[in-house]
C-alpha atoms as a PDB file:
ATOM      1  CA  UNK A   1     -35.397 -47.965 -61.684  1.00  0.00           C
ATOM      2  CA  UNK A   2     -33.890 -46.082 -64.632  1.00  0.00           C
ATOM      3  CA  UNK A   3     -37.227 -44.397 -65.339  1.00  0.00           C
ATOM      4  CA  UNK A   4     -37.564 -43.391 -61.670  1.00  0.00           C
ATOM      5  CA  UNK A   5     -34.093 -41.896 -61.678  1.00  0.00           C
ATOM      6  CA  UNK A   6     -34.748 -39.957 -64.874  1.00  0.00           C
ATOM      7  CA  UNK A   7     -37.819 -38.325 -63.325  1.00  0.00           C
ATOM      8  CA  UNK A   8     -35.719 -36.896 -60.505  1.00  0.00           C
ATOM      9  CA  UNK A   9     -32.784 -35.838 -62.690  1.00  0.00           C
ATOM     10  CA  UNK A  10     -34.463 -32.476 -63.216  1.00  0.00           C
ATOM     11  CA  UNK A  11     -33.947 -31.655 -59.525  1.00  0.00           C
ATOM     12  CA  UNK A  12     -30.182 -32.221 -59.586  1.00  0.00           C
ATOM     13  CA  UNK A  13     -28.014 -29.108 -59.321  1.00  0.00           C
ATOM     14  CA  UNK A  14     -26.673 -28.297 -62.804  1.00  0.00           C
ATOM     15  CA  UNK A  15     -22.931 -28.598 -63.432  1.00  0.00           C
ATOM     16  CA  UNK A  16     -20.708 -27.857 -66.416  1.00  0.00           C
ATOM     17  CA  UNK A  17     -17.264 -29.478 -66.559  1.00  0.00           C
ATOM     18  CA  UNK A  18     -17.635 -30.183 -62.854  1.00  0.00           C
ATOM     19  CA  UNK A  19     -18.384 -26.529 -62.053  1.00  0.00           C
ATOM     20  CA  UNK A  20     -21.670 -25.960 -60.150  1.00  0.00           C
ATOM     21  CA  UNK A  21     -24.011 -23.577 -61.946  1.00  0.00           C
ATOM     22  CA  UNK A  22     -26.275 -22.816 -58.976  1.00  0.00           C
ATOM     23  CA  UNK A  23     -24.838 -19.294 -58.649  1.00  0.00           C
ATOM     24  CA  UNK A  24     -25.590 -18.628 -62.323  1.00  0.00           C
ATOM     25  CA  UNK A  25     -29.134 -19.973 -61.932  1.00  0.00           C
ATOM     26  CA  UNK A  26     -29.685 -17.568 -59.028  1.00  0.00           C
ATOM     27  CA  UNK A  27     -28.208 -14.451 -60.652  1.00  0.00           C
ATOM     28  CA  UNK A  28     -29.619 -14.848 -64.168  1.00  0.00           C
ATOM     29  CA  UNK A  29     -33.240 -13.925 -63.210  1.00  0.00           C
ATOM     30  CA  UNK A  30     -32.099 -10.483 -62.010  1.00  0.00           C
ATOM     31  CA  UNK A  31     -30.769  -9.734 -65.501  1.00  0.00           C
ATOM     32  CA  UNK A  32     -34.225 -10.362 -66.994  1.00  0.00           C
ATOM     33  CA  UNK A  33     -36.018  -7.852 -64.786  1.00  0.00           C
ATOM     34  CA  UNK A  34     -36.540  -4.374 -66.287  1.00  0.00           C
ATOM     35  CA  UNK A  35     -34.523  -1.629 -64.643  1.00  0.00           C
ATOM     36  CA  UNK A  36     -36.179   1.684 -63.685  1.00  0.00           C
ATOM     37  CA  UNK A  37     -35.836   4.495 -66.201  1.00  0.00           C
ATOM     38  CA  UNK A  38     -35.033   8.161 -65.398  1.00  0.00           C
ATOM     39  CA  UNK A  39     -37.754   9.251 -67.838  1.00  0.00           C
ATOM     40  CA  UNK A  40     -41.050  10.623 -66.594  1.00  0.00           C
ATOM     41  CA  UNK A  41     -43.048   8.189 -68.719  1.00  0.00           C
ATOM     42  CA  UNK A  42     -42.105   4.518 -68.495  1.00  0.00           C
ATOM     43  CA  UNK A  43     -42.986   1.714 -70.865  1.00  0.00           C
ATOM     44  CA  UNK A  44     -45.797  -0.736 -70.137  1.00  0.00           C
ATOM     45  CA  UNK A  45     -43.537  -3.366 -68.582  1.00  0.00           C
ATOM     46  CA  UNK A  46     -42.024  -0.932 -66.082  1.00  0.00           C
ATOM     47  CA  UNK A  47     -45.441   0.488 -65.281  1.00  0.00           C
ATOM     48  CA  UNK A  48     -46.828  -3.017 -64.669  1.00  0.00           C
ATOM     49  CA  UNK A  49     -43.850  -3.889 -62.461  1.00  0.00           C
ATOM     50  CA  UNK A  50     -44.220  -0.701 -60.407  1.00  0.00           C
ATOM     51  CA  UNK A  51     -47.977  -1.273 -60.013  1.00  0.00           C
ATOM     52  CA  UNK A  52     -47.402  -4.857 -58.881  1.00  0.00           C
ATOM     53  CA  UNK A  53     -44.762  -3.852 -56.307  1.00  0.00           C
ATOM     54  CA  UNK A  54     -46.963  -1.043 -54.964  1.00  0.00           C
ATOM     55  CA  UNK A  55     -49.999  -3.309 -54.603  1.00  0.00           C
ATOM     56  CA  UNK A  56     -47.938  -6.038 -52.967  1.00  0.00           C
ATOM     57  CA  UNK A  57     -46.260  -3.750 -50.430  1.00  0.00           C
ATOM     58  CA  UNK A  58     -49.581  -2.061 -49.602  1.00  0.00           C
ATOM     59  CA  UNK A  59     -51.316  -5.390 -48.981  1.00  0.00           C
ATOM     60  CA  UNK A  60     -48.481  -6.952 -46.972  1.00  0.00           C
ATOM     61  CA  UNK A  61     -47.442  -3.993 -44.834  1.00  0.00           C
ATOM     62  CA  UNK A  62     -50.801  -2.367 -44.044  1.00  0.00           C
ATOM     63  CA  UNK A  63     -51.215  -4.421 -40.807  1.00  0.00           C
ATOM     64  CA  UNK A  64     -47.639  -3.630 -39.705  1.00  0.00           C
ATOM     65  CA  UNK A  65     -46.569  -0.576 -37.752  1.00  0.00           C
ATOM     66  CA  UNK A  66     -43.949   1.921 -38.876  1.00  0.00           C
ATOM     67  CA  UNK A  67     -41.093  -0.207 -37.541  1.00  0.00           C
ATOM     68  CA  UNK A  68     -42.089  -3.100 -39.803  1.00  0.00           C
ATOM     69  CA  UNK A  69     -42.143  -0.923 -42.922  1.00  0.00           C
ATOM     70  CA  UNK A  70     -38.348  -0.996 -42.942  1.00  0.00           C
ATOM     71  CA  UNK A  71     -38.641  -4.526 -44.322  1.00  0.00           C
ATOM     72  CA  UNK A  72     -40.632  -3.435 -47.389  1.00  0.00           C
ATOM     73  CA  UNK A  73     -37.724  -3.340 -49.848  1.00  0.00           C
ATOM     74  CA  UNK A  74     -36.310  -6.675 -48.650  1.00  0.00           C
ATOM     75  CA  UNK A  75     -39.585  -8.606 -48.733  1.00  0.00           C
ATOM     76  CA  UNK A  76     -40.671  -7.072 -52.059  1.00  0.00           C
ATOM     77  CA  UNK A  77     -37.308  -8.048 -53.602  1.00  0.00           C
ATOM     78  CA  UNK A  78     -37.646 -11.561 -52.169  1.00  0.00           C
ATOM     79  CA  UNK A  79     -41.158 -11.850 -53.596  1.00  0.00           C
ATOM     80  CA  UNK A  80     -40.062 -10.838 -57.106  1.00  0.00           C
ATOM     81  CA  UNK A  81     -37.000 -13.090 -56.879  1.00  0.00           C
ATOM     82  CA  UNK A  82     -39.048 -16.154 -55.897  1.00  0.00           C
ATOM     83  CA  UNK A  83     -41.710 -15.533 -58.549  1.00  0.00           C
ATOM     84  CA  UNK A  84     -39.039 -15.167 -61.230  1.00  0.00           C
ATOM     85  CA  UNK A  85     -37.248 -18.361 -60.182  1.00  0.00           C
ATOM     86  CA  UNK A  86     -40.491 -20.353 -59.983  1.00  0.00           C
ATOM     87  CA  UNK A  87     -41.794 -19.124 -63.337  1.00  0.00           C
ATOM     88  CA  UNK A  88     -38.511 -19.662 -65.182  1.00  0.00           C
ATOM     89  CA  UNK A  89     -38.383 -23.179 -63.771  1.00  0.00           C
ATOM     90  CA  UNK A  90     -41.554 -24.061 -65.708  1.00  0.00           C
ATOM     91  CA  UNK A  91     -39.782 -23.533 -69.034  1.00  0.00           C
ATOM     92  CA  UNK A  92     -38.450 -26.654 -70.789  1.00  0.00           C
ATOM     93  CA  UNK A  93     -34.834 -27.669 -70.154  1.00  0.00           C
ATOM     94  CA  UNK A  94     -34.460 -25.292 -67.216  1.00  0.00           C
ATOM     95  CA  UNK A  95     -33.498 -25.805 -63.590  1.00  0.00           C
ATOM     96  CA  UNK A  96     -35.636 -24.590 -60.682  1.00  0.00           C
ATOM     97  CA  UNK A  97     -33.389 -23.603 -57.746  1.00  0.00           C
ATOM     98  CA  UNK A  98     -36.384 -23.390 -55.388  1.00  0.00           C
ATOM     99  CA  UNK A  99     -36.880 -27.172 -55.619  1.00  0.00           C
ATOM    100  CA  UNK A 100     -33.730 -27.478 -53.474  1.00  0.00           C
ATOM    101  CA  UNK A 101     -34.566 -27.625 -49.762  1.00  0.00           C
ATOM    102  CA  UNK A 102     -31.113 -26.312 -48.845  1.00  0.00           C
ATOM    103  CA  UNK A 103     -31.689 -23.101 -50.827  1.00  0.00           C
ATOM    104  CA  UNK A 104     -35.168 -22.536 -49.392  1.00  0.00           C
ATOM    105  CA  UNK A 105     -33.908 -23.143 -45.864  1.00  0.00           C
ATOM    106  CA  UNK A 106     -31.062 -20.736 -46.572  1.00  0.00           C
ATOM    107  CA  UNK A 107     -33.654 -18.045 -47.278  1.00  0.00           C
ATOM    108  CA  UNK A 108     -36.204 -18.988 -44.612  1.00  0.00           C
ATOM    109  CA  UNK A 109     -33.911 -19.524 -41.620  1.00  0.00           C
ATOM    110  CA  UNK A 110     -32.082 -16.143 -41.600  1.00  0.00           C
ATOM    111  CA  UNK A 111     -35.289 -14.180 -42.249  1.00  0.00           C
ATOM    112  CA  UNK A 112     -37.185 -16.001 -39.486  1.00  0.00           C
ATOM    113  CA  UNK A 113     -34.241 -15.644 -37.106  1.00  0.00           C
ATOM    114  CA  UNK A 114     -34.095 -11.913 -37.825  1.00  0.00           C
ATOM    115  CA  UNK A 115     -37.753 -11.495 -36.842  1.00  0.00           C
ATOM    116  CA  UNK A 116     -37.181 -13.427 -33.609  1.00  0.00           C
ATOM    117  CA  UNK A 117     -34.079 -11.383 -32.723  1.00  0.00           C
ATOM    118  CA  UNK A 118     -35.965  -8.138 -33.385  1.00  0.00           C
ATOM    119  CA  UNK A 119     -38.766  -9.280 -31.079  1.00  0.00           C
ATOM    120  CA  UNK A 120     -36.348 -10.305 -28.326  1.00  0.00           C
ATOM    121  CA  UNK A 121     -34.507  -6.992 -28.573  1.00  0.00           C
ATOM    122  CA  UNK A 122     -37.454  -4.581 -28.846  1.00  0.00           C
ATOM    123  CA  UNK A 123     -40.111  -6.274 -26.702  1.00  0.00           C
ATOM    124  CA  UNK A 124     -38.707  -9.328 -24.893  1.00  0.00           C
ATOM    125  CA  UNK A 125     -41.701  -9.664 -22.562  1.00  0.00           C
ATOM    126  CA  UNK A 126     -44.234  -9.816 -25.395  1.00  0.00           C
ATOM    127  CA  UNK A 127     -41.991 -12.110 -27.471  1.00  0.00           C
ATOM    128  CA  UNK A 128     -41.639 -14.583 -24.621  1.00  0.00           C
ATOM    129  CA  UNK A 129     -45.322 -14.159 -23.783  1.00  0.00           C
ATOM    130  CA  UNK A 130     -46.243 -15.917 -27.049  1.00  0.00           C
ATOM    131  CA  UNK A 131     -44.840 -19.130 -25.550  1.00  0.00           C
ATOM    132  CA  UNK A 132     -47.551 -19.199 -22.870  1.00  0.00           C
ATOM    133  CA  UNK A 133     -51.163 -18.242 -23.731  1.00  0.00           C
ATOM    134  CA  UNK A 134     -52.995 -16.170 -21.143  1.00  0.00           C
ATOM    135  CA  UNK A 135     -55.234 -18.092 -18.750  1.00  0.00           C
ATOM    136  CA  UNK A 136     -53.387 -21.400 -19.079  1.00  0.00           C
ATOM    137  CA  UNK A 137     -54.030 -23.809 -16.157  1.00  0.00           C
ATOM    138  CA  UNK A 138     -50.975 -24.233 -13.928  1.00  0.00           C
ATOM    139  CA  UNK A 139     -50.508 -27.998 -14.561  1.00  0.00           C
ATOM    140  CA  UNK A 140     -50.373 -27.400 -18.335  1.00  0.00           C
ATOM    141  CA  UNK A 141     -47.810 -24.576 -18.229  1.00  0.00           C
ATOM    142  CA  UNK A 142     -44.661 -26.734 -18.713  1.00  0.00           C
ATOM    143  CA  UNK A 143     -46.258 -28.776 -21.503  1.00  0.00           C
ATOM    144  CA  UNK A 144     -47.541 -25.699 -23.368  1.00  0.00           C
ATOM    145  CA  UNK A 145     -44.185 -23.937 -23.121  1.00  0.00           C
ATOM    146  CA  UNK A 146     -42.483 -26.949 -24.700  1.00  0.00           C
ATOM    147  CA  UNK A 147     -45.144 -27.218 -27.429  1.00  0.00           C
ATOM    148  CA  UNK A 148     -45.033 -23.491 -28.274  1.00  0.00           C
ATOM    149  CA  UNK A 149     -41.221 -23.529 -28.324  1.00  0.00           C
ATOM    150  CA  UNK A 150     -41.208 -26.470 -30.747  1.00  0.00           C
ATOM    151  CA  UNK A 151     -43.804 -24.751 -32.959  1.00  0.00           C
ATOM    152  CA  UNK A 152     -41.651 -21.612 -32.961  1.00  0.00           C
ATOM    153  CA  UNK A 153     -38.550 -23.460 -34.135  1.00  0.00           C
ATOM    154  CA  UNK A 154     -40.501 -25.456 -36.736  1.00  0.00           C
ATOM    155  CA  UNK A 155     -41.558 -22.276 -38.563  1.00  0.00           C
ATOM    156  CA  UNK A 156     -38.471 -21.932 -40.827  1.00  0.00           C
ATOM    157  CA  UNK A 157     -38.585 -25.654 -41.608  1.00  0.00           C
ATOM    158  CA  UNK A 158     -42.251 -25.348 -42.585  1.00  0.00           C
ATOM    159  CA  UNK A 159     -41.448 -22.371 -44.824  1.00  0.00           C
ATOM    160  CA  UNK A 160     -38.721 -24.225 -46.687  1.00  0.00           C
ATOM    161  CA  UNK A 161     -40.492 -27.577 -46.930  1.00  0.00           C
ATOM    162  CA  UNK A 162     -43.763 -26.001 -48.129  1.00  0.00           C
ATOM    163  CA  UNK A 163     -42.073 -24.224 -51.037  1.00  0.00           C
ATOM    164  CA  UNK A 164     -39.923 -27.241 -51.947  1.00  0.00           C
ATOM    165  CA  UNK A 165     -42.737 -29.798 -51.753  1.00  0.00           C
ATOM    166  CA  UNK A 166     -45.251 -27.814 -53.810  1.00  0.00           C
ATOM    167  CA  UNK A 167     -42.836 -27.063 -56.634  1.00  0.00           C
ATOM    168  CA  UNK A 168     -41.324 -30.568 -56.658  1.00  0.00           C
ATOM    169  CA  UNK A 169     -44.753 -32.228 -56.757  1.00  0.00           C
ATOM    170  CA  UNK A 170     -45.900 -29.966 -59.581  1.00  0.00           C
ATOM    171  CA  UNK A 171     -42.818 -30.632 -61.712  1.00  0.00           C
ATOM    172  CA  UNK A 172     -43.117 -34.386 -61.174  1.00  0.00           C
ATOM    173  CA  UNK A 173     -46.797 -34.380 -62.144  1.00  0.00           C
ATOM    174  CA  UNK A 174     -46.066 -32.419 -65.322  1.00  0.00           C
ATOM    175  CA  UNK A 175     -43.296 -34.821 -66.298  1.00  0.00           C
ATOM    176  CA  UNK A 176     -45.362 -37.912 -65.538  1.00  0.00           C
ATOM    177  CA  UNK A 177     -48.375 -36.726 -67.527  1.00  0.00           C
ATOM    178  CA  UNK A 178     -46.177 -35.523 -70.411  1.00  0.00           C
ATOM    179  CA  UNK A 179     -44.477 -38.942 -70.525  1.00  0.00           C
ATOM    180  CA  UNK A 180     -47.861 -40.670 -70.510  1.00  0.00           C
ATOM    181  CA  UNK A 181     -49.128 -38.477 -73.365  1.00  0.00           C
ATOM    182  CA  UNK A 182     -45.974 -39.171 -75.393  1.00  0.00           C
ATOM    183  CA  UNK A 183     -46.245 -42.942 -74.886  1.00  0.00           C
ATOM    184  CA  UNK A 184     -49.997 -43.079 -75.603  1.00  0.00           C
ATOM    185  CA  UNK A 185     -49.873 -41.025 -78.820  1.00  0.00           C
ATOM    186  CA  UNK A 186     -49.125 -43.935 -81.220  1.00  0.00           C
ATOM    187  CA  UNK A 187     -51.239 -46.432 -79.244  1.00  0.00           C
ATOM    188  CA  UNK A 188     -54.397 -44.520 -78.293  1.00  0.00           C
ATOM    189  CA  UNK A 189     -54.558 -41.074 -79.916  1.00  0.00           C
ATOM    190  CA  UNK A 190     -57.878 -40.161 -78.283  1.00  0.00           C
ATOM    191  CA  UNK A 191     -56.575 -40.912 -74.782  1.00  0.00           C
ATOM    192  CA  UNK A 192     -53.344 -39.088 -75.632  1.00  0.00           C
ATOM    193  CA  UNK A 193     -55.330 -36.006 -76.671  1.00  0.00           C
ATOM    194  CA  UNK A 194     -57.271 -36.115 -73.399  1.00  0.00           C
ATOM    195  CA  UNK A 195     -54.009 -36.503 -71.474  1.00  0.00           C
ATOM    196  CA  UNK A 196     -52.537 -33.529 -73.326  1.00  0.00           C
ATOM    197  CA  UNK A 197     -55.557 -31.441 -72.322  1.00  0.00           C
ATOM    198  CA  UNK A 198     -55.001 -32.432 -68.692  1.00  0.00           C
ATOM    199  CA  UNK A 199     -51.334 -31.506 -69.112  1.00  0.00           C
ATOM    200  CA  UNK A 200     -52.277 -28.046 -70.390  1.00  0.00           C
ATOM    201  CA  UNK A 201     -54.626 -27.461 -67.458  1.00  0.00           C
ATOM    202  CA  UNK A 202     -51.981 -28.703 -65.031  1.00  0.00           C
ATOM    203  CA  UNK A 203     -49.418 -26.335 -66.538  1.00  0.00           C
ATOM    204  CA  UNK A 204     -51.786 -23.400 -66.000  1.00  0.00           C
ATOM    205  CA  UNK A 205     -52.300 -24.578 -62.419  1.00  0.00           C
ATOM    206  CA  UNK A 206     -48.545 -24.766 -61.884  1.00  0.00           C
ATOM    207  CA  UNK A 207     -48.134 -21.192 -63.108  1.00  0.00           C
ATOM    208  CA  UNK A 208     -50.627 -20.141 -60.442  1.00  0.00           C
ATOM    209  CA  UNK A 209     -48.898 -22.300 -57.820  1.00  0.00           C
ATOM    210  CA  UNK A 210     -45.517 -20.759 -58.691  1.00  0.00           C
ATOM    211  CA  UNK A 211     -46.871 -17.282 -57.945  1.00  0.00           C
ATOM    212  CA  UNK A 212     -48.997 -18.280 -54.954  1.00  0.00           C
ATOM    213  CA  UNK A 213     -46.159 -20.128 -53.198  1.00  0.00           C
ATOM    214  CA  UNK A 214     -43.849 -17.127 -53.537  1.00  0.00           C
ATOM    215  CA  UNK A 215     -46.588 -14.918 -52.107  1.00  0.00           C
ATOM    216  CA  UNK A 216     -47.289 -17.339 -49.229  1.00  0.00           C
ATOM    217  CA  UNK A 217     -43.581 -17.516 -48.365  1.00  0.00           C
ATOM    218  CA  UNK A 218     -43.335 -13.730 -48.020  1.00  0.00           C
ATOM    219  CA  UNK A 219     -46.763 -13.420 -46.377  1.00  0.00           C
ATOM    220  CA  UNK A 220     -45.815 -15.830 -43.590  1.00  0.00           C
ATOM    221  CA  UNK A 221     -42.566 -13.955 -43.040  1.00  0.00           C
ATOM    222  CA  UNK A 222     -44.555 -10.727 -42.695  1.00  0.00           C
ATOM    223  CA  UNK A 223     -46.854 -12.408 -40.154  1.00  0.00           C
ATOM    224  CA  UNK A 224     -43.845 -13.533 -38.130  1.00  0.00           C
ATOM    225  CA  UNK A 225     -42.535  -9.977 -38.349  1.00  0.00           C
ATOM    226  CA  UNK A 226     -45.899  -8.603 -37.222  1.00  0.00           C
ATOM    227  CA  UNK A 227     -45.682 -10.628 -34.011  1.00  0.00           C
ATOM    228  CA  UNK A 228     -42.306  -9.121 -33.122  1.00  0.00           C
ATOM    229  CA  UNK A 229     -42.505  -5.417 -34.025  1.00  0.00           C
END
């Protein structure tokens, strides 16, 4: 029981002298990002950051019309913020805020609700038309409306749970395999070396997952926006 509790201690919100440090964990990543320079020639880090933001915005917002391009700055900032939080959470003795479902729901719910409100305000007929596919048989209309309404309201929950579950599972696997390698080192060095190799590969996979999950979160938000603009 003690071992099981210690595995999940890493997901507890950090406190110092009873003071929650969640706000500090959320604001610190912004201090690590390079700020734009007024010079004509930037350094390599700024150039790489600008190239990444340009490629991301081009790929995400190409299918959207001009009305949806107003969200470019917000979604690009959210993408960078999530990637930074996820990557910093892979460092030893750090806390990953995106493993908290409450935080992820706090980001997913307002953004999803904003897309729905925009659709209801700009094109209410088309927005409500998504609840009933064209050509539906008359007896199935009430059932399909209920099903489509439930699927609409599940979207923010799916966004938050997907991000939380993927990061939580990855952190638990890393800790379990690292504990196994540490315990097996004096007993079976060959097995411990093999376990350490698996741990290295899993860490590389988690780096990819940290970036992919941030991208998927923003991509799904852009798809919801595309339906409503």
